[in-house]
């Protein structure tokens, strides 16, 4: 049996591996992203004051990423939104996603947030099978209103 994933905050030396995983995430969701957007995202993650980034490692290699942020809601001073979660295809089924979610949940509890939530697409059956084992799907459907600038 292989070792459990080791989860820790992303660090500057993770940039190239993070890029590979972030590109995989964006390709899965068919979200075109420019080099400038990747650079800005990485900078926000490294600043760590608004968006937080975790990496999961197996055998010393970065194989999963999780990005999350805290915000107020009408009904609570602080909630946590797990915005991005991605595991390298070769590492799937080895507990990487669950370890990342649990690490975000630990930080959510430590910061006194009222809840942790995330979204996924309805067709993401693999992820939903995992999420259904330890989280509650409450039936919400997401809409995005286009903002033309």
Protein backbone atom coordinates (compact mmCIF):
# COMPACT_ATOMS: atom_id res chain seq x y z
CA UNK A 1 0.00 0.00 0.00
CA UNK A 2 1.34 3.44 -0.90
CA UNK A 3 1.73 6.27 1.56
CA UNK A 4 -1.06 8.77 2.14
CA UNK A 5 -0.84 12.09 0.33
CA UNK A 6 0.99 14.87 2.14
CA UNK A 7 -0.89 18.17 1.96
CA UNK A 8 0.78 21.52 2.58
CA UNK A 9 0.49 25.11 1.34
CA UNK A 10 1.79 25.72 -2.15
CA UNK A 11 5.29 27.19 -2.20
CA UNK A 12 7.21 29.15 -4.84
CA UNK A 13 9.12 26.06 -5.99
CA UNK A 14 5.78 24.44 -6.96
CA UNK A 15 5.13 26.90 -9.81
CA UNK A 16 5.81 24.56 -12.74
CA UNK A 17 3.95 21.60 -11.27
CA UNK A 18 1.08 23.87 -10.23
CA UNK A 19 0.90 25.20 -13.80
CA UNK A 20 0.64 21.66 -15.18
CA UNK A 21 -2.19 20.81 -12.77
CA UNK A 22 -3.97 24.15 -13.23
CA UNK A 23 -3.88 23.66 -17.00
CA UNK A 24 -5.38 20.20 -16.54
CA UNK A 25 -8.13 21.66 -14.37
CA UNK A 26 -8.92 24.42 -16.85
CA UNK A 27 -8.91 21.94 -19.77
CA UNK A 28 -11.33 19.63 -17.93
CA UNK A 29 -13.79 22.48 -17.47
CA UNK A 30 -13.10 23.86 -20.98
CA UNK A 31 -12.15 27.25 -19.59
CA UNK A 32 -9.68 29.06 -21.84
CA UNK A 33 -7.06 30.81 -19.70
CA UNK A 34 -4.31 33.19 -20.81
CA UNK A 35 -0.74 33.16 -19.54
CA UNK A 36 -1.46 36.47 -17.81
CA UNK A 37 -4.41 34.89 -15.96
CA UNK A 38 -2.24 31.97 -14.79
CA UNK A 39 0.41 34.42 -13.61
CA UNK A 40 -2.14 36.53 -11.74
CA UNK A 41 -3.68 33.44 -10.13
CA UNK A 42 -0.27 32.20 -9.02
CA UNK A 43 0.53 35.60 -7.52
CA UNK A 44 -2.76 35.63 -5.58
CA UNK A 45 -1.98 32.15 -4.27
CA UNK A 46 1.52 33.17 -3.22
CA UNK A 47 0.20 36.33 -1.53
CA UNK A 48 -2.20 34.10 0.41
CA UNK A 49 -4.28 36.95 1.80
CA UNK A 50 -7.44 36.38 -0.27
CA UNK A 51 -7.02 33.05 -2.07
CA UNK A 52 -5.26 30.10 -0.44
CA UNK A 53 -3.58 27.22 -2.21
CA UNK A 54 -2.74 23.73 -1.05
CA UNK A 55 -0.77 21.06 -2.82
CA UNK A 56 -0.93 17.31 -2.30
CA UNK A 57 2.19 15.24 -2.82
CA UNK A 58 2.73 11.56 -3.38
CA UNK A 59 6.32 10.33 -3.32
CA UNK A 60 7.45 13.96 -3.20
CA UNK A 61 5.65 14.90 -6.44
CA UNK A 62 2.85 17.49 -6.58
CA UNK A 63 -0.20 15.56 -7.83
CA UNK A 64 -3.13 17.64 -6.61
CA UNK A 65 -4.12 21.24 -5.96
CA UNK A 66 -6.87 22.94 -4.02
CA UNK A 67 -7.66 26.67 -4.07
CA UNK A 68 -10.07 28.19 -1.58
CA UNK A 69 -11.19 31.49 -0.12
CA UNK A 70 -13.19 32.82 2.79
CA UNK A 71 -16.00 35.31 2.50
CA UNK A 72 -18.95 36.67 4.44
CA UNK A 73 -22.46 35.60 3.69
CA UNK A 74 -25.78 37.09 4.66
CA UNK A 75 -26.18 34.45 7.37
CA UNK A 76 -22.62 34.02 8.65
CA UNK A 77 -19.57 36.18 9.18
CA UNK A 78 -17.37 33.68 7.39
CA UNK A 79 -17.82 30.72 5.06
CA UNK A 80 -15.27 28.89 2.93
CA UNK A 81 -15.56 28.26 -0.78
CA UNK A 82 -13.36 25.53 -2.25
CA UNK A 83 -13.07 27.03 -5.70
CA UNK A 84 -10.72 24.66 -7.51
CA UNK A 85 -9.81 21.04 -6.84
CA UNK A 86 -7.79 18.91 -9.24
CA UNK A 87 -5.87 15.66 -9.08
CA UNK A 88 -3.41 14.43 -11.69
CA UNK A 89 -5.11 11.63 -13.61
CA UNK A 90 -2.30 9.19 -12.77
CA UNK A 91 -2.84 9.79 -9.02
CA UNK A 92 -6.62 9.43 -8.93
CA UNK A 93 -8.02 6.86 -6.57
CA UNK A 94 -5.17 7.34 -4.08
CA UNK A 95 -6.94 9.69 -1.66
CA UNK A 96 -5.53 12.95 -3.03
CA UNK A 97 -8.82 14.84 -3.49
CA UNK A 98 -10.17 13.71 -0.15
CA UNK A 99 -6.93 14.72 1.60
CA UNK A 100 -7.12 18.17 0.03
CA UNK A 101 -10.76 18.61 1.03
CA UNK A 102 -10.00 17.50 4.59
CA UNK A 103 -7.11 19.97 4.79
CA UNK A 104 -9.39 22.79 3.62
CA UNK A 105 -12.00 21.64 6.15
CA UNK A 106 -9.37 21.75 8.91
CA UNK A 107 -8.45 25.33 7.96
CA UNK A 108 -12.14 26.23 7.74
CA UNK A 109 -12.72 24.97 11.29
CA UNK A 110 -9.54 26.65 12.55
CA UNK A 111 -10.71 30.01 11.20
CA UNK A 112 -14.17 29.60 12.73
CA UNK A 113 -16.04 29.58 9.43
CA UNK A 114 -19.64 28.41 9.49
CA UNK A 115 -19.42 26.09 6.50
CA UNK A 116 -17.37 24.76 3.61
CA UNK A 117 -18.89 24.36 0.16
CA UNK A 118 -17.88 23.74 -3.43
CA UNK A 119 -19.36 23.25 -6.90
CA UNK A 120 -18.83 20.76 -9.67
CA UNK A 121 -20.48 20.12 -13.00
CA UNK A 122 -23.30 17.60 -13.11
CA UNK A 123 -21.40 15.43 -15.62
CA UNK A 124 -18.37 15.06 -13.33
CA UNK A 125 -19.44 11.59 -12.19
CA UNK A 126 -16.04 10.58 -10.81
CA UNK A 127 -15.78 13.57 -8.49
CA UNK A 128 -19.44 13.40 -7.53
CA UNK A 129 -19.07 9.75 -6.49
CA UNK A 130 -16.35 10.84 -4.06
CA UNK A 131 -18.22 13.90 -2.80
CA UNK A 132 -21.42 11.94 -2.23
CA UNK A 133 -19.58 9.74 0.28
CA UNK A 134 -18.83 12.58 2.71
CA UNK A 135 -20.68 15.75 1.69
CA UNK A 136 -24.30 16.67 1.10
CA UNK A 137 -25.61 17.67 -2.33
CA UNK A 138 -28.42 20.13 -1.68
CA UNK A 139 -29.70 20.37 -5.24
CA UNK A 140 -28.54 23.86 -6.16
CA UNK A 141 -27.96 24.76 -9.79
CA UNK A 142 -25.45 27.48 -10.65
CA UNK A 143 -26.11 30.26 -13.15
CA UNK A 144 -23.50 32.68 -14.48
CA UNK A 145 -24.62 36.06 -15.74
CA UNK A 146 -22.40 37.31 -18.50
CA UNK A 147 -20.80 40.70 -17.87
CA UNK A 148 -19.76 42.47 -21.03
CA UNK A 149 -17.24 45.16 -20.24
